[in-house]
Amino acid sequence: MVQAIQDDSTISLPVTEIVNIASRLSDEEFAVNHQDIKELVLGEQTLDEEELMELIDVPTSNALVNENKENERVPNLDFQDVKKGLNLAKEFELHFIQTDHSTVRSAKFKRELRKCLAPYREVLVELEKKATIENQCEDEPSEEDILPIKRRRVRGLISDSEDEC
């Protein structure tokens, strides 16, 4: 691959496109020029299968979801989005169960689909718990909600008679 790229005319168009895209981002991290790209492309080494597997296993960004961590949610999902997606999946499942005459195939589809949706059901449960806790906190009166009670003074009449005791 590197030998085919050695010719400058072969990489000039892709290099120009990369530089243009990077310049549109207008961020110092993406400030690249033609020479930088050529060095990256021409200095490229091929990786064997083992090295590729190591790269896949190494987390490269905090934005990537680590599937080994429990109870991890993607921040962009909200209750309505997850619920809507699960309802659409339910319709999808029902469509194939009702239209497919092979019970074995439709049962397998249902089982595999539910298996794929399990993490989203967990997220929905977490979001429901969070919403319940937030609603409970909103329902509890705060110090600002409590109004002071005005007390009235009751004056007692002192009487000399013993009948009233």
N, C-alpha and C. Protein backbone atom coordinates (compact mmCIF):
# COMPACT_ATOMS: atom_id res chain seq x y z
N MET A 1 0.82 -1.18 0.00
CA MET A 1 0.00 0.00 0.00
C MET A 1 0.87 1.26 0.00
N VAL A 2 1.91 1.28 0.81
CA VAL A 2 2.79 2.43 0.89
C VAL A 2 3.48 2.66 -0.43
N GLN A 3 3.82 1.60 -1.13
CA GLN A 3 4.50 1.74 -2.42
C GLN A 3 3.59 2.42 -3.44
N ALA A 4 2.32 2.13 -3.41
CA ALA A 4 1.39 2.73 -4.36
C ALA A 4 1.17 4.21 -4.05
N ILE A 5 1.35 4.60 -2.82
CA ILE A 5 1.11 5.98 -2.41
C ILE A 5 2.35 6.84 -2.60
N GLN A 6 3.49 6.25 -2.84
CA GLN A 6 4.73 7.01 -2.98
C GLN A 6 4.62 8.09 -4.05
N ASP A 7 3.84 7.85 -5.08
CA ASP A 7 3.67 8.81 -6.16
C ASP A 7 2.87 10.00 -5.61
N ASP A 8 3.42 11.20 -5.74
CA ASP A 8 2.82 12.40 -5.17
C ASP A 8 1.45 12.70 -5.77
N SER A 9 1.25 12.39 -7.04
CA SER A 9 -0.03 12.68 -7.68
C SER A 9 -1.14 11.80 -7.14
N THR A 10 -0.79 10.63 -6.63
CA THR A 10 -1.78 9.70 -6.10
C THR A 10 -2.42 10.24 -4.83
N ILE A 11 -1.66 10.94 -4.01
CA ILE A 11 -2.19 11.39 -2.73
C ILE A 11 -2.52 12.88 -2.69
N SER A 12 -2.23 13.61 -3.73
CA SER A 12 -2.43 15.06 -3.67
C SER A 12 -3.89 15.45 -3.47
N LEU A 13 -4.83 14.80 -4.16
CA LEU A 13 -6.24 15.14 -4.02
C LEU A 13 -6.77 14.78 -2.62
N PRO A 14 -6.54 13.55 -2.13
CA PRO A 14 -7.01 13.25 -0.77
C PRO A 14 -6.36 14.14 0.29
N VAL A 15 -5.08 14.47 0.11
CA VAL A 15 -4.40 15.33 1.07
C VAL A 15 -5.05 16.71 1.08
N THR A 16 -5.36 17.24 -0.08
CA THR A 16 -6.01 18.54 -0.18
C THR A 16 -7.38 18.51 0.49
N GLU A 17 -8.13 17.45 0.29
CA GLU A 17 -9.44 17.32 0.93
C GLU A 17 -9.32 17.27 2.45
N ILE A 18 -8.35 16.53 2.94
CA ILE A 18 -8.14 16.42 4.39
C ILE A 18 -7.77 17.78 4.97
N VAL A 19 -6.88 18.49 4.31
CA VAL A 19 -6.45 19.81 4.79
C VAL A 19 -7.63 20.78 4.77
N ASN A 20 -8.46 20.73 3.74
CA ASN A 20 -9.63 21.61 3.66
C ASN A 20 -10.62 21.32 4.78
N ILE A 21 -10.88 20.06 5.03
CA ILE A 21 -11.80 19.69 6.11
C ILE A 21 -11.24 20.14 7.45
N ALA A 22 -9.96 19.92 7.67
CA ALA A 22 -9.34 20.33 8.93
C ALA A 22 -9.38 21.84 9.10
N SER A 23 -9.20 22.58 8.02
CA SER A 23 -9.22 24.05 8.14
C SER A 23 -10.63 24.55 8.43
N ARG A 24 -11.65 23.85 7.97
CA ARG A 24 -13.03 24.24 8.26
C ARG A 24 -13.37 24.06 9.73
N LEU A 25 -12.71 23.13 10.37
CA LEU A 25 -12.96 22.90 11.79
C LEU A 25 -12.44 24.04 12.63
N SER A 26 -11.49 24.77 12.11
CA SER A 26 -10.87 25.94 12.75
C SER A 26 -10.55 25.70 14.22
N ASP A 27 -9.89 24.63 14.47
CA ASP A 27 -9.45 24.28 15.81
C ASP A 27 -7.95 24.00 15.75
N GLU A 28 -7.24 24.42 16.77
CA GLU A 28 -5.78 24.24 16.76
C GLU A 28 -5.39 22.77 16.71
N GLU A 29 -6.23 21.92 17.28
CA GLU A 29 -5.92 20.49 17.29
C GLU A 29 -5.93 19.91 15.87
N PHE A 30 -6.69 20.53 14.97
CA PHE A 30 -6.80 20.02 13.61
C PHE A 30 -6.00 20.86 12.61
N ALA A 31 -5.12 21.68 13.10
CA ALA A 31 -4.31 22.51 12.20
C ALA A 31 -3.25 21.61 11.56
N VAL A 32 -3.50 21.23 10.32
CA VAL A 32 -2.58 20.36 9.58
C VAL A 32 -2.27 21.00 8.24
N ASN A 33 -1.17 20.57 7.66
CA ASN A 33 -0.82 21.04 6.32
C ASN A 33 -0.53 19.84 5.44
N HIS A 34 -0.23 20.09 4.19
CA HIS A 34 0.01 19.01 3.23
C HIS A 34 1.15 18.10 3.68
N GLN A 35 2.20 18.68 4.23
CA GLN A 35 3.36 17.88 4.62
C GLN A 35 3.01 16.93 5.77
N ASP A 36 2.20 17.40 6.73
CA ASP A 36 1.79 16.54 7.85
C ASP A 36 1.05 15.31 7.34
N ILE A 37 0.13 15.53 6.42
CA ILE A 37 -0.66 14.42 5.89
C ILE A 37 0.22 13.45 5.11
N LYS A 38 1.11 13.98 4.31
CA LYS A 38 2.00 13.10 3.53
C LYS A 38 2.86 12.26 4.45
N GLU A 39 3.35 12.85 5.53
CA GLU A 39 4.16 12.09 6.48
C GLU A 39 3.34 10.98 7.12
N LEU A 40 2.10 11.29 7.46
CA LEU A 40 1.24 10.26 8.05
C LEU A 40 0.98 9.12 7.08
N VAL A 41 0.67 9.47 5.85
CA VAL A 41 0.34 8.45 4.86
C VAL A 41 1.57 7.65 4.46
N LEU A 42 2.66 8.33 4.18
CA LEU A 42 3.86 7.64 3.72
C LEU A 42 4.56 6.90 4.84
N GLY A 43 4.38 7.35 6.05
CA GLY A 43 5.02 6.68 7.18
C GLY A 43 4.16 5.57 7.75
N GLU A 44 3.06 5.28 7.09
CA GLU A 44 2.13 4.28 7.57
C GLU A 44 2.76 2.89 7.57
N GLN A 45 2.49 2.17 8.64
CA GLN A 45 2.94 0.78 8.72
C GLN A 45 1.70 -0.09 8.80
N THR A 46 1.82 -1.26 8.26
CA THR A 46 0.69 -2.18 8.35
C THR A 46 0.74 -2.89 9.69
N LEU A 47 -0.41 -3.13 10.25
CA LEU A 47 -0.51 -3.82 11.53
C LEU A 47 -1.00 -5.23 11.29
N ASP A 48 -0.48 -6.15 12.09
CA ASP A 48 -0.98 -7.51 11.96
C ASP A 48 -2.27 -7.63 12.79
N GLU A 49 -2.89 -8.78 12.72
CA GLU A 49 -4.19 -8.98 13.36
C GLU A 49 -4.12 -8.79 14.87
N GLU A 50 -3.05 -9.25 15.48
CA GLU A 50 -2.89 -9.13 16.93
C GLU A 50 -2.81 -7.66 17.36
N GLU A 51 -2.06 -6.86 16.62
CA GLU A 51 -1.94 -5.44 16.94
C GLU A 51 -3.27 -4.71 16.76
N LEU A 52 -4.02 -5.11 15.74
CA LEU A 52 -5.34 -4.51 15.55
C LEU A 52 -6.27 -4.84 16.71
N MET A 53 -6.23 -6.07 17.19
CA MET A 53 -7.06 -6.47 18.32
C MET A 53 -6.68 -5.69 19.58
N GLU A 54 -5.40 -5.43 19.77
CA GLU A 54 -4.95 -4.64 20.91
C GLU A 54 -5.48 -3.21 20.82
N LEU A 55 -5.48 -2.67 19.62
CA LEU A 55 -6.01 -1.31 19.44
C LEU A 55 -7.50 -1.24 19.75
N ILE A 56 -8.22 -2.28 19.41
CA ILE A 56 -9.65 -2.31 19.69
C ILE A 56 -9.89 -2.39 21.19
N ASP A 57 -9.08 -3.17 21.90
CA ASP A 57 -9.27 -3.36 23.33
C ASP A 57 -8.88 -2.13 24.15
N VAL A 58 -8.01 -1.29 23.64
CA VAL A 58 -7.55 -0.13 24.39
C VAL A 58 -8.56 1.00 24.25
N PRO A 59 -9.08 1.52 25.39
CA PRO A 59 -9.99 2.65 25.28
C PRO A 59 -9.23 3.89 24.82
N THR A 60 -9.77 4.58 23.82
CA THR A 60 -9.07 5.74 23.26
C THR A 60 -9.71 7.05 23.63
N SER A 61 -10.91 7.00 24.18
CA SER A 61 -11.59 8.25 24.48
C SER A 61 -12.57 8.04 25.61
N ASN A 62 -12.78 9.09 26.39
CA ASN A 62 -13.77 9.02 27.45
C ASN A 62 -15.18 9.01 26.88
N ALA A 63 -15.34 9.46 25.65
CA ALA A 63 -16.66 9.51 25.02
C ALA A 63 -17.14 8.12 24.63
N LEU A 64 -16.22 7.16 24.48
CA LEU A 64 -16.62 5.82 24.12
C LEU A 64 -17.27 5.13 25.31
N VAL A 65 -18.26 4.32 25.03
CA VAL A 65 -18.95 3.62 26.10
C VAL A 65 -18.18 2.36 26.43
N ASN A 66 -17.86 2.17 27.69
CA ASN A 66 -17.19 0.96 28.14
C ASN A 66 -18.28 -0.04 28.50
N GLU A 67 -18.39 -1.11 27.74
CA GLU A 67 -19.47 -2.06 27.93
C GLU A 67 -19.29 -2.90 29.19
N ASN A 68 -18.11 -2.89 29.78
CA ASN A 68 -17.89 -3.68 30.98
C ASN A 68 -18.41 -2.98 32.23
N LYS A 69 -18.58 -1.68 32.18
CA LYS A 69 -19.08 -0.96 33.34
C LYS A 69 -20.58 -1.18 33.45
N GLU A 70 -21.03 -1.38 34.68
CA GLU A 70 -22.45 -1.58 34.92
C GLU A 70 -23.13 -0.23 35.08
N ASN A 71 -24.40 -0.20 34.79
CA ASN A 71 -25.24 0.98 34.99
C ASN A 71 -24.71 2.22 34.30
N GLU A 72 -24.12 2.08 33.15
CA GLU A 72 -23.62 3.24 32.44
C GLU A 72 -24.65 3.67 31.42
N ARG A 73 -24.94 4.97 31.41
CA ARG A 73 -25.91 5.49 30.47
C ARG A 73 -25.23 6.44 29.51
N VAL A 74 -25.76 6.49 28.33
CA VAL A 74 -25.30 7.48 27.37
C VAL A 74 -26.04 8.76 27.70
N PRO A 75 -25.31 9.86 27.87
CA PRO A 75 -25.96 11.08 28.34
C PRO A 75 -27.06 11.61 27.43
N ASN A 76 -27.04 11.32 26.15
CA ASN A 76 -28.01 11.89 25.24
C ASN A 76 -29.37 11.21 25.29
N LEU A 77 -29.47 10.07 25.91
CA LEU A 77 -30.75 9.37 25.97
C LEU A 77 -31.60 9.95 27.08
N ASP A 78 -32.85 10.19 26.77
CA ASP A 78 -33.76 10.59 27.82
C ASP A 78 -34.92 9.59 27.84
N PHE A 79 -35.76 9.73 28.83
CA PHE A 79 -36.84 8.78 29.06
C PHE A 79 -37.72 8.61 27.83
N GLN A 80 -38.14 9.72 27.23
CA GLN A 80 -39.05 9.67 26.09
C GLN A 80 -38.41 8.98 24.89
N ASP A 81 -37.13 9.26 24.63
CA ASP A 81 -36.44 8.64 23.50
C ASP A 81 -36.35 7.12 23.66
N VAL A 82 -35.98 6.68 24.86
CA VAL A 82 -35.84 5.24 25.11
C VAL A 82 -37.19 4.56 25.02
N LYS A 83 -38.19 5.17 25.64
CA LYS A 83 -39.54 4.58 25.62
C LYS A 83 -40.07 4.50 24.18
N LYS A 84 -39.87 5.54 23.40
CA LYS A 84 -40.31 5.54 22.00
C LYS A 84 -39.60 4.44 21.21
N GLY A 85 -38.30 4.31 21.41
CA GLY A 85 -37.53 3.27 20.72
C GLY A 85 -37.99 1.88 21.08
N LEU A 86 -38.26 1.64 22.36
CA LEU A 86 -38.72 0.33 22.79
C LEU A 86 -40.12 0.04 22.24
N ASN A 87 -40.96 1.06 22.16
CA ASN A 87 -42.29 0.86 21.57
C ASN A 87 -42.20 0.54 20.08
N LEU A 88 -41.30 1.21 19.38
CA LEU A 88 -41.09 0.91 17.96
C LEU A 88 -40.58 -0.52 17.78
N ALA A 89 -39.68 -0.93 18.66
CA ALA A 89 -39.15 -2.30 18.60
C ALA A 89 -40.26 -3.32 18.86
N LYS A 90 -41.18 -2.98 19.76
CA LYS A 90 -42.31 -3.86 20.06
C LYS A 90 -43.19 -4.02 18.82
N GLU A 91 -43.44 -2.92 18.11
CA GLU A 91 -44.21 -2.98 16.87
C GLU A 91 -43.49 -3.82 15.81
N PHE A 92 -42.19 -3.63 15.73
CA PHE A 92 -41.35 -4.37 14.80
C PHE A 92 -41.44 -5.87 15.09
N GLU A 93 -41.33 -6.21 16.36
CA GLU A 93 -41.41 -7.60 16.79
C GLU A 93 -42.78 -8.19 16.44
N LEU A 94 -43.84 -7.46 16.75
CA LEU A 94 -45.19 -7.93 16.48
C LEU A 94 -45.42 -8.15 14.98
N HIS A 95 -44.88 -7.27 14.17
CA HIS A 95 -45.05 -7.40 12.72
C HIS A 95 -44.52 -8.74 12.23
N PHE A 96 -43.33 -9.10 12.64
CA PHE A 96 -42.75 -10.35 12.15
C PHE A 96 -43.38 -11.57 12.79
N ILE A 97 -43.81 -11.46 14.03
CA ILE A 97 -44.47 -12.60 14.67
C ILE A 97 -45.80 -12.88 13.99
N GLN A 98 -46.52 -11.82 13.61
CA GLN A 98 -47.83 -12.00 12.98
C GLN A 98 -47.73 -12.40 11.51
N THR A 99 -46.70 -11.95 10.82
CA THR A 99 -46.62 -12.22 9.37
C THR A 99 -45.79 -13.44 9.01
N ASP A 100 -44.86 -13.83 9.87
CA ASP A 100 -43.99 -14.98 9.56
C ASP A 100 -44.70 -16.26 9.96
N HIS A 101 -44.83 -17.17 9.02
CA HIS A 101 -45.52 -18.44 9.28
C HIS A 101 -44.60 -19.47 9.95
N SER A 102 -43.32 -19.21 9.97
CA SER A 102 -42.38 -20.11 10.63
C SER A 102 -42.28 -19.71 12.11
N THR A 103 -42.86 -20.53 12.96
CA THR A 103 -42.84 -20.20 14.39
C THR A 103 -41.43 -20.28 14.97
N VAL A 104 -40.61 -21.16 14.43
CA VAL A 104 -39.23 -21.28 14.91
C VAL A 104 -38.46 -20.01 14.60
N ARG A 105 -38.57 -19.55 13.37
CA ARG A 105 -37.85 -18.35 12.96
C ARG A 105 -38.37 -17.11 13.70
N SER A 106 -39.69 -16.98 13.83
CA SER A 106 -40.23 -15.81 14.52
C SER A 106 -39.91 -15.83 16.01
N ALA A 107 -39.89 -17.02 16.61
CA ALA A 107 -39.52 -17.12 18.03
C ALA A 107 -38.06 -16.74 18.23
N LYS A 108 -37.21 -17.19 17.31
CA LYS A 108 -35.79 -16.83 17.40
C LYS A 108 -35.61 -15.32 17.23
N PHE A 109 -36.34 -14.74 16.28
CA PHE A 109 -36.27 -13.30 16.06
C PHE A 109 -36.68 -12.55 17.33
N LYS A 110 -37.79 -12.97 17.93
CA LYS A 110 -38.28 -12.32 19.15
C LYS A 110 -37.25 -12.42 20.26
N ARG A 111 -36.69 -13.60 20.44
CA ARG A 111 -35.70 -13.82 21.50
C ARG A 111 -34.46 -12.95 21.28
N GLU A 112 -33.94 -12.94 20.06
CA GLU A 112 -32.73 -12.16 19.77
C GLU A 112 -32.98 -10.66 19.86
N LEU A 113 -34.14 -10.22 19.40
CA LEU A 113 -34.47 -8.79 19.49
C LEU A 113 -34.55 -8.35 20.95
N ARG A 114 -35.20 -9.15 21.77
CA ARG A 114 -35.30 -8.80 23.20
C ARG A 114 -33.92 -8.80 23.86
N LYS A 115 -33.08 -9.72 23.43
CA LYS A 115 -31.71 -9.77 23.96
C LYS A 115 -30.96 -8.48 23.59
N CYS A 116 -31.15 -8.02 22.37
CA CYS A 116 -30.49 -6.78 21.92
C CYS A 116 -31.03 -5.55 22.65
N LEU A 117 -32.30 -5.58 23.00
CA LEU A 117 -32.93 -4.43 23.64
C LEU A 117 -32.76 -4.40 25.15
N ALA A 118 -32.22 -5.46 25.73
CA ALA A 118 -32.08 -5.54 27.19
C ALA A 118 -31.34 -4.33 27.79
N PRO A 119 -30.23 -3.88 27.22
CA PRO A 119 -29.56 -2.71 27.81
C PRO A 119 -30.44 -1.46 27.81
N TYR A 120 -31.28 -1.32 26.79
CA TYR A 120 -32.15 -0.15 26.73
C TYR A 120 -33.28 -0.25 27.76
N ARG A 121 -33.72 -1.47 28.04
CA ARG A 121 -34.72 -1.64 29.10
C ARG A 121 -34.12 -1.26 30.46
N GLU A 122 -32.84 -1.62 30.66
CA GLU A 122 -32.16 -1.25 31.90
C GLU A 122 -32.04 0.27 32.01
N VAL A 123 -31.71 0.91 30.91
CA VAL A 123 -31.61 2.37 30.91
C VAL A 123 -32.97 2.99 31.22
N LEU A 124 -34.04 2.42 30.66
CA LEU A 124 -35.38 2.93 30.92
C LEU A 124 -35.73 2.81 32.40
N VAL A 125 -35.39 1.68 33.01
CA VAL A 125 -35.65 1.49 34.44
C VAL A 125 -34.88 2.53 35.25
N GLU A 126 -33.62 2.76 34.91
CA GLU A 126 -32.82 3.76 35.62
C GLU A 126 -33.42 5.16 35.46
N LEU A 127 -33.84 5.48 34.25
CA LEU A 127 -34.44 6.79 34.01
C LEU A 127 -35.76 6.95 34.76
N GLU A 128 -36.54 5.86 34.86
CA GLU A 128 -37.79 5.90 35.63
C GLU A 128 -37.50 6.14 37.10
N LYS A 129 -36.48 5.44 37.63
CA LYS A 129 -36.11 5.64 39.03
C LYS A 129 -35.67 7.07 39.28
N LYS A 130 -34.87 7.59 38.37
CA LYS A 130 -34.37 8.95 38.50
C LYS A 130 -35.53 9.95 38.47
N ALA A 131 -36.48 9.73 37.55
CA ALA A 131 -37.64 10.62 37.46
C ALA A 131 -38.50 10.53 38.71
N THR A 132 -38.65 9.33 39.27
CA THR A 132 -39.43 9.16 40.49
C THR A 132 -38.77 9.89 41.65
N ILE A 133 -37.46 9.76 41.76
CA ILE A 133 -36.73 10.44 42.84
C ILE A 133 -36.85 11.95 42.69
N GLU A 134 -36.72 12.45 41.46
CA GLU A 134 -36.83 13.89 41.23
C GLU A 134 -38.23 14.38 41.55
N ASN A 135 -39.26 13.58 41.19
CA ASN A 135 -40.64 13.98 41.50
C ASN A 135 -40.89 13.99 42.99
N GLN A 136 -40.32 13.02 43.71
CA GLN A 136 -40.48 12.99 45.16
C GLN A 136 -39.83 14.21 45.79
N CYS A 137 -38.66 14.57 45.28
CA CYS A 137 -37.97 15.75 45.82
C CYS A 137 -38.77 17.01 45.54
N GLU A 138 -39.44 17.07 44.40
CA GLU A 138 -40.25 18.24 44.07
C GLU A 138 -41.50 18.29 44.92
N ASP A 139 -42.05 17.12 45.28
CA ASP A 139 -43.28 17.07 46.07
C ASP A 139 -43.04 17.42 47.53
N GLU A 140 -41.85 17.16 48.04
CA GLU A 140 -41.55 17.46 49.43
C GLU A 140 -41.48 18.97 49.61
N PRO A 141 -42.11 19.47 50.67
CA PRO A 141 -42.07 20.92 50.87
C PRO A 141 -40.67 21.37 51.30
N SER A 142 -40.27 22.48 50.77
CA SER A 142 -38.99 23.04 51.16
C SER A 142 -39.24 24.09 52.24
N GLU A 143 -38.19 24.62 52.80
CA GLU A 143 -38.33 25.64 53.83
C GLU A 143 -39.04 26.87 53.28
N GLU A 144 -38.86 27.13 52.01
CA GLU A 144 -39.51 28.29 51.39
C GLU A 144 -41.01 28.07 51.25
N ASP A 145 -41.43 26.80 51.10
CA ASP A 145 -42.84 26.50 50.93
C ASP A 145 -43.62 26.60 52.24
N ILE A 146 -42.95 26.47 53.36
CA ILE A 146 -43.62 26.47 54.65
C ILE A 146 -43.86 27.92 55.07
N LEU A 147 -45.13 28.22 55.28
CA LEU A 147 -45.50 29.57 55.71
C LEU A 147 -45.52 29.62 57.23
N PRO A 148 -45.10 30.72 57.79
CA PRO A 148 -45.15 30.82 59.25
C PRO A 148 -46.61 30.89 59.73
N ILE A 149 -46.85 30.27 60.84
CA ILE A 149 -48.19 30.27 61.41
C ILE A 149 -48.32 31.47 62.33
N LYS A 150 -49.35 32.23 62.09
CA LYS A 150 -49.59 33.39 62.96
C LYS A 150 -50.33 32.89 64.18
N ARG A 151 -49.80 33.23 65.31
CA ARG A 151 -50.43 32.80 66.55
C ARG A 151 -51.26 33.95 67.12
N ARG A 152 -52.39 33.58 67.62
CA ARG A 152 -53.26 34.55 68.26
C ARG A 152 -53.12 34.39 69.76
N ARG A 153 -53.08 35.48 70.37
CA ARG A 153 -53.04 35.42 71.84
C ARG A 153 -54.46 35.35 72.37
N VAL A 154 -54.65 34.41 73.21
CA VAL A 154 -55.96 34.26 73.83
C VAL A 154 -55.84 34.80 75.25
N ARG A 155 -56.65 35.74 75.50
CA ARG A 155 -56.63 36.32 76.85
C ARG A 155 -57.65 35.60 77.71
N GLY A 156 -57.17 35.13 78.75
CA GLY A 156 -58.08 34.46 79.67
C GLY A 156 -58.60 35.44 80.71
N LEU A 157 -59.82 35.28 81.01
CA LEU A 157 -60.42 36.13 82.03
C LEU A 157 -60.25 35.47 83.38
N ILE A 158 -59.75 36.19 84.26
CA ILE A 158 -59.59 35.67 85.60
C ILE A 158 -60.85 36.01 86.38
N SER A 159 -61.38 35.01 86.93
CA SER A 159 -62.64 35.20 87.64
C SER A 159 -62.45 34.83 89.10
N ASP A 160 -63.17 35.47 89.93
CA ASP A 160 -63.08 35.20 91.37
C ASP A 160 -63.99 34.06 91.77
N SER A 161 -64.83 33.67 90.92
CA SER A 161 -65.78 32.65 91.34
C SER A 161 -65.15 31.27 91.24
N GLU A 162 -65.50 30.42 92.12
CA GLU A 162 -64.96 29.06 92.17
C GLU A 162 -65.80 28.11 91.34
N ASP A 163 -66.88 28.56 90.82
CA ASP A 163 -67.79 27.70 90.06
C ASP A 163 -67.16 27.25 88.74
N GLU A 164 -66.36 28.07 88.21
CA GLU A 164 -65.84 27.80 86.88
C GLU A 164 -64.67 26.83 86.88
N CYS A 165 -64.14 26.45 87.97
CA CYS A 165 -62.99 25.56 88.03
C CYS A 165 -63.33 24.16 87.76
